[in-house]
Amino acid sequence: MIQVAICGAAGRMGREVVKAIVEAEGMTPVGAIDVALNGEDAGTLAGVGALGVLVQSDLVAVLGESHAEVVVDFSLPAVVKANALSSISCGVSPVIGATGLSQSDLAEIDAAAKEKGIGAFVAPNFAIGAVLMMQFAQTAAKHFPDVEIIEFHHEKKLDSPSGTALLTAQRIAEAREGKSASAVTENLIEKLPGARGADYNGIPIHSVRLPGYVAHQEVIFGGLGQTLTIRHDSLDRRSFMPGVVLAVRHVREWTGLKIGLETLLF
């Protein structure tokens, strides 16, 4: 059995992770970390019944007491890097869904994991459909250089644009192979700053934050007399769980950091 701790266990994603680990074959939850609801049973919070795994606030203490092999982190951007480095120092492989990591942060996590001789994993999006959306967008970008991205998330998502939108834009930029968009963009007038969205290498990204959404993204390509829209919708947080379970199952098989669910799917 793979021994799994969950960081952010009292949050909405953390509760889904607890439930998914309970339901998955060959793994079991042994630790729960969160700054909220300390002393509560993680299983009760997740709606799967008491597990005897109580929520605690000290990550290192939980990892030491529980003998966890993997920690799944869906906590907050402000603490995700520290959580990852602390987990690695304890010999525990992090599977990270929390956002907020910079390229230098990722490099530091990779170096720490290699030094410790264990695996680590980060995914901007654990939904298999979202990974396919990015793959399709990368293919389409070779033929449609004019593109914009619109991403929609719930009102409590802290960062904008989303990690998925940024990664999509990065892959589109790579696929365009130096081709610039053909649409006329000179002398545009923004009556309100930011009306055209954020800019990533000439790719506008628009972020929507509203109650009712979970995680959704449209990639809209424009060409002569036609448009192509690729859209993915996560209607429930359960959509991320197969990807999380896949990463937990395999993260101990390599050394260093892997990024993106596609590294496990293709």
Protein backbone atom coordinates (compact mmCIF):
# COMPACT_ATOMS: atom_id res chain seq x y z
CA MET A 1 0.00 0.00 0.00
CA ILE A 2 1.28 3.46 -0.90
CA GLN A 3 1.16 5.61 2.23
CA VAL A 4 -0.25 9.05 1.30
CA ALA A 5 -0.48 12.33 3.21
CA ILE A 6 -2.73 15.13 1.99
CA CYS A 7 -1.72 18.78 2.38
CA GLY A 8 -4.68 21.14 2.31
CA ALA A 9 -6.88 18.26 3.49
CA ALA A 10 -9.61 20.54 4.89
CA GLY A 11 -10.10 22.38 1.60
CA ARG A 12 -12.43 21.46 -1.23
CA MET A 13 -9.73 19.85 -3.38
CA GLY A 14 -8.07 18.25 -0.36
CA ARG A 15 -11.30 16.51 0.66
CA GLU A 16 -11.69 15.13 -2.84
CA VAL A 17 -8.11 13.83 -2.70
CA VAL A 18 -8.79 12.07 0.61
CA LYS A 19 -11.84 10.41 -0.92
CA ALA A 20 -9.97 9.42 -4.07
CA ILE A 21 -7.09 7.87 -2.12
CA VAL A 22 -9.55 5.88 0.01
CA GLU A 23 -11.29 4.59 -3.13
CA ALA A 24 -8.11 3.84 -5.11
CA GLU A 25 -6.62 0.37 -5.07
CA GLY A 26 -3.19 0.01 -3.50
CA MET A 27 -3.00 3.26 -1.52
CA THR A 28 -4.24 4.62 1.78
CA PRO A 29 -4.34 8.03 3.50
CA VAL A 30 -2.07 8.18 6.56
CA GLY A 31 -1.76 11.92 7.22
CA ALA A 32 -3.72 15.14 6.81
CA ILE A 33 -2.28 18.65 6.99
CA ASP A 34 -4.12 21.97 7.05
CA VAL A 35 -4.16 25.18 9.08
CA ALA A 36 -7.94 24.89 9.40
CA LEU A 37 -10.12 22.37 11.25
CA ASN A 38 -7.26 20.92 13.29
CA GLY A 39 -8.30 17.80 15.17
CA GLU A 40 -11.08 16.91 12.74
CA ASP A 41 -11.03 13.49 11.10
CA ALA A 42 -10.01 13.82 7.43
CA GLY A 43 -12.31 10.99 6.42
CA THR A 44 -15.31 12.57 8.08
CA LEU A 45 -14.59 15.87 6.35
CA ALA A 46 -14.34 14.05 3.01
CA GLY A 47 -17.61 12.23 3.58
CA VAL A 48 -16.12 8.72 3.60
CA GLY A 49 -16.43 8.05 7.31
CA ALA A 50 -13.89 8.32 10.11
CA LEU A 51 -10.39 7.12 9.17
CA GLY A 52 -8.57 7.90 12.39
CA VAL A 53 -6.46 10.39 10.41
CA LEU A 54 -6.74 13.74 12.15
CA VAL A 55 -6.00 17.09 10.51
CA GLN A 56 -2.82 18.68 11.92
CA SER A 57 -0.96 21.87 11.04
CA ASP A 58 2.68 20.72 11.23
CA LEU A 59 3.67 19.14 7.91
CA VAL A 60 7.04 17.78 8.99
CA ALA A 61 5.60 16.28 12.18
CA VAL A 62 2.81 14.55 10.26
CA LEU A 63 5.21 13.13 7.69
CA GLY A 64 7.47 11.82 10.42
CA GLU A 65 4.68 10.25 12.46
CA SER A 66 2.76 8.78 9.52
CA HIS A 67 5.67 7.30 7.55
CA ALA A 68 4.11 8.70 4.39
CA GLU A 69 5.78 7.96 1.06
CA VAL A 70 3.87 10.55 -1.00
CA VAL A 71 2.29 13.88 -0.08
CA VAL A 72 -0.40 15.38 -2.32
CA ASP A 73 -0.47 19.17 -2.02
CA PHE A 74 -3.48 21.27 -2.96
CA SER A 75 -2.82 23.97 -0.39
CA LEU A 76 -2.03 27.66 -1.03
CA PRO A 77 0.44 29.34 -3.45
CA ALA A 78 2.20 31.07 -0.52
CA VAL A 79 3.32 27.80 1.06
CA VAL A 80 3.54 25.28 -1.78
CA LYS A 81 7.29 25.67 -2.38
CA ALA A 82 8.15 25.36 1.32
CA ASN A 83 5.85 22.34 1.59
CA ALA A 84 7.55 20.65 -1.35
CA LEU A 85 11.07 21.23 -0.03
CA SER A 86 10.09 20.11 3.48
CA SER A 87 8.51 16.95 2.09
CA ILE A 88 11.58 16.14 0.03
CA SER A 89 13.87 16.70 3.02
CA CYS A 90 11.80 14.06 4.83
CA GLY A 91 12.23 11.64 1.92
CA VAL A 92 8.58 12.02 0.87
CA SER A 93 7.71 12.55 -2.81
CA PRO A 94 5.45 15.57 -3.43
CA VAL A 95 2.61 15.47 -5.96
CA ILE A 96 1.72 19.13 -6.39
CA GLY A 97 -1.51 20.60 -7.66
CA ALA A 98 -1.24 23.88 -5.77
CA THR A 99 -0.31 26.82 -8.00
CA GLY A 100 2.18 29.64 -7.59
CA LEU A 101 5.51 27.99 -8.43
CA SER A 102 7.95 29.99 -10.58
CA GLN A 103 10.51 28.50 -12.93
CA SER A 104 13.22 29.05 -10.32
CA ASP A 105 11.02 27.32 -7.71
CA LEU A 106 10.61 24.33 -10.01
CA ALA A 107 14.36 24.18 -10.60
CA GLU A 108 14.98 24.25 -6.84
CA ILE A 109 12.48 21.45 -6.23
CA ASP A 110 14.05 19.41 -9.03
CA ALA A 111 17.53 19.85 -7.58
CA ALA A 112 16.37 18.92 -4.07
CA ALA A 113 14.60 15.79 -5.30
CA LYS A 114 17.64 14.67 -7.29
CA GLU A 115 19.90 15.25 -4.30
CA LYS A 116 17.57 13.17 -2.12
CA GLY A 117 17.19 10.52 -4.81
CA ILE A 118 13.38 10.63 -4.98
CA GLY A 119 10.72 11.70 -7.44
CA ALA A 120 8.54 14.80 -7.43
CA PHE A 121 5.62 15.79 -9.65
CA VAL A 122 3.84 19.03 -10.57
CA ALA A 123 0.82 19.40 -12.84
CA PRO A 124 -0.93 22.67 -13.75
CA ASN A 125 -4.04 20.57 -14.37
CA PHE A 126 -4.78 16.97 -13.35
CA ALA A 127 -7.83 16.57 -15.63
CA ILE A 128 -7.03 14.23 -18.51
CA GLY A 129 -9.37 16.19 -20.79
CA ALA A 130 -7.46 19.41 -20.07
CA VAL A 131 -4.20 17.72 -21.04
CA LEU A 132 -5.76 16.61 -24.32
CA MET A 133 -7.06 20.15 -24.90
CA MET A 134 -3.51 21.48 -24.64
CA GLN A 135 -2.20 18.80 -26.99
CA PHE A 136 -4.89 19.61 -29.57
CA ALA A 137 -4.22 23.35 -29.24
CA GLN A 138 -0.51 22.81 -29.84
CA THR A 139 -1.30 20.89 -33.02
CA ALA A 140 -3.78 23.51 -34.25
CA ALA A 141 -1.33 26.36 -33.64
CA LYS A 142 0.88 25.12 -36.47
CA HIS A 143 -1.93 25.99 -38.89
CA PHE A 144 -3.75 28.81 -37.03
CA PRO A 145 -1.24 31.34 -35.62
CA ASP A 146 -4.01 33.74 -34.56
CA VAL A 147 -5.30 32.62 -31.16
CA GLU A 148 -6.69 33.83 -27.85
CA ILE A 149 -7.27 31.98 -24.58
CA ILE A 150 -10.16 32.48 -22.17
CA GLU A 151 -10.06 30.65 -18.84
CA PHE A 152 -12.88 30.54 -16.30
CA HIS A 153 -12.50 29.59 -12.63
CA HIS A 154 -14.37 29.92 -9.36
CA GLU A 155 -14.15 33.19 -7.48
CA LYS A 156 -11.74 31.84 -4.84
CA LYS A 157 -8.92 30.98 -7.24
CA LEU A 158 -6.12 33.33 -6.23
CA ASP A 159 -3.84 33.44 -9.27
CA SER A 160 -4.50 34.76 -12.76
CA PRO A 161 -3.95 33.59 -15.42
CA SER A 162 -4.26 29.95 -14.45
CA GLY A 163 -1.31 27.62 -14.74
CA THR A 164 -3.17 25.72 -17.44
CA ALA A 165 -3.66 28.88 -19.52
CA LEU A 166 0.00 29.81 -19.20
CA LEU A 167 1.16 26.33 -20.17
CA THR A 168 -1.26 26.31 -23.11
CA ALA A 169 0.11 29.65 -24.31
CA GLN A 170 3.67 28.41 -23.93
CA ARG A 171 2.98 25.34 -26.07
CA ILE A 172 1.16 27.38 -28.70
CA ALA A 173 4.08 29.80 -28.89
CA GLU A 174 6.48 26.88 -29.37
CA ALA A 175 4.27 25.30 -32.03
CA ARG A 176 4.03 28.51 -34.05
CA GLU A 177 7.78 28.13 -34.70
CA GLY A 178 8.39 31.84 -34.97
CA LYS A 179 5.25 32.55 -37.00
CA SER A 180 3.56 35.68 -35.77
CA ALA A 181 -0.16 36.21 -35.67
CA SER A 182 -1.52 37.68 -38.88
CA ALA A 183 -4.26 39.71 -37.21
CA VAL A 184 -3.69 43.46 -37.21
CA THR A 185 -2.87 44.54 -33.65
CA GLU A 186 -1.16 47.88 -34.18
CA ASN A 187 -2.76 51.09 -32.99
CA LEU A 188 -5.37 49.32 -30.91
CA ILE A 189 -7.08 51.54 -28.36
CA GLU A 190 -7.87 50.07 -24.94
CA LYS A 191 -10.56 52.26 -23.45
CA LEU A 192 -9.92 50.46 -20.18
CA PRO A 193 -6.46 49.06 -19.33
CA GLY A 194 -6.36 45.28 -19.70
CA ALA A 195 -9.37 45.09 -22.01
CA ARG A 196 -7.39 42.90 -24.40
CA GLY A 197 -6.23 40.61 -21.60
CA ALA A 198 -2.75 39.65 -20.50
CA ASP A 199 -0.13 39.06 -23.18
CA TYR A 200 2.07 35.98 -23.50
CA ASN A 201 4.29 36.21 -26.60
CA GLY A 202 1.48 37.88 -28.51
CA ILE A 203 -1.20 35.50 -27.23
CA PRO A 204 -3.98 37.29 -25.28
CA ILE A 205 -5.16 35.48 -22.15
CA HIS A 206 -8.41 36.47 -20.46
CA SER A 207 -9.25 35.33 -16.91
CA VAL A 208 -12.80 35.09 -15.58
CA ARG A 209 -13.44 34.58 -11.84
CA LEU A 210 -17.08 33.96 -10.88
CA PRO A 211 -19.14 31.79 -8.53
CA GLY A 212 -20.52 28.74 -10.26
CA TYR A 213 -17.41 27.84 -12.24
CA VAL A 214 -14.94 25.09 -11.35
CA ALA A 215 -12.24 25.09 -14.07
CA HIS A 216 -12.86 25.76 -17.75
CA GLN A 217 -10.82 26.93 -20.72
CA GLU A 218 -11.41 27.91 -24.34
CA VAL A 219 -8.67 28.22 -26.94
CA ILE A 220 -10.05 30.15 -29.91
CA PHE A 221 -8.19 30.12 -33.22
CA GLY A 222 -9.10 32.44 -36.08
CA GLY A 223 -8.37 31.98 -39.76
CA LEU A 224 -9.58 33.17 -43.13
CA GLY A 225 -13.35 32.75 -43.02
CA GLN A 226 -13.28 30.30 -40.10
CA THR A 227 -12.68 29.83 -36.41
CA LEU A 228 -11.72 26.79 -34.37
CA THR A 229 -12.63 26.54 -30.68
CA ILE A 230 -11.16 23.90 -28.37
CA ARG A 231 -12.83 23.86 -24.96
CA HIS A 232 -12.53 21.80 -21.82
CA ASP A 233 -14.86 21.93 -18.82
CA SER A 234 -14.25 20.48 -15.39
CA LEU A 235 -17.77 20.42 -13.98
CA ASP A 236 -16.77 18.75 -10.73
CA ARG A 237 -13.52 18.50 -8.78
CA ARG A 238 -13.75 14.75 -9.15
CA SER A 239 -12.51 15.29 -12.71
CA PHE A 240 -8.99 15.85 -11.36
CA MET A 241 -8.81 12.71 -9.25
CA PRO A 242 -7.83 10.07 -11.86
CA GLY A 243 -4.80 12.21 -12.69
CA VAL A 244 -3.91 12.64 -9.02
CA VAL A 245 -4.14 8.90 -8.38
CA LEU A 246 -2.01 8.20 -11.48
CA ALA A 247 0.71 10.56 -10.24
CA VAL A 248 0.65 9.10 -6.72
CA ARG A 249 0.99 5.60 -8.15
CA HIS A 250 4.09 6.43 -10.21
CA VAL A 251 5.96 9.34 -8.57
CA ARG A 252 8.32 7.00 -6.67
CA GLU A 253 9.53 5.49 -9.96
CA TRP A 254 11.92 8.29 -10.99
CA THR A 255 14.39 10.79 -9.54
CA GLY A 256 13.89 14.53 -9.85
CA LEU A 257 10.90 16.58 -10.94
CA LYS A 258 8.44 15.76 -13.71
CA ILE A 259 6.03 18.44 -14.89
CA GLY A 260 2.66 17.86 -16.51
CA LEU A 261 0.28 14.92 -16.61
CA GLU A 262 1.18 14.32 -20.25
CA THR A 263 4.55 12.95 -19.10
CA LEU A 264 2.60 10.03 -17.60
CA LEU A 265 -0.04 9.66 -20.31
CA PHE A 266 1.92 9.76 -23.57
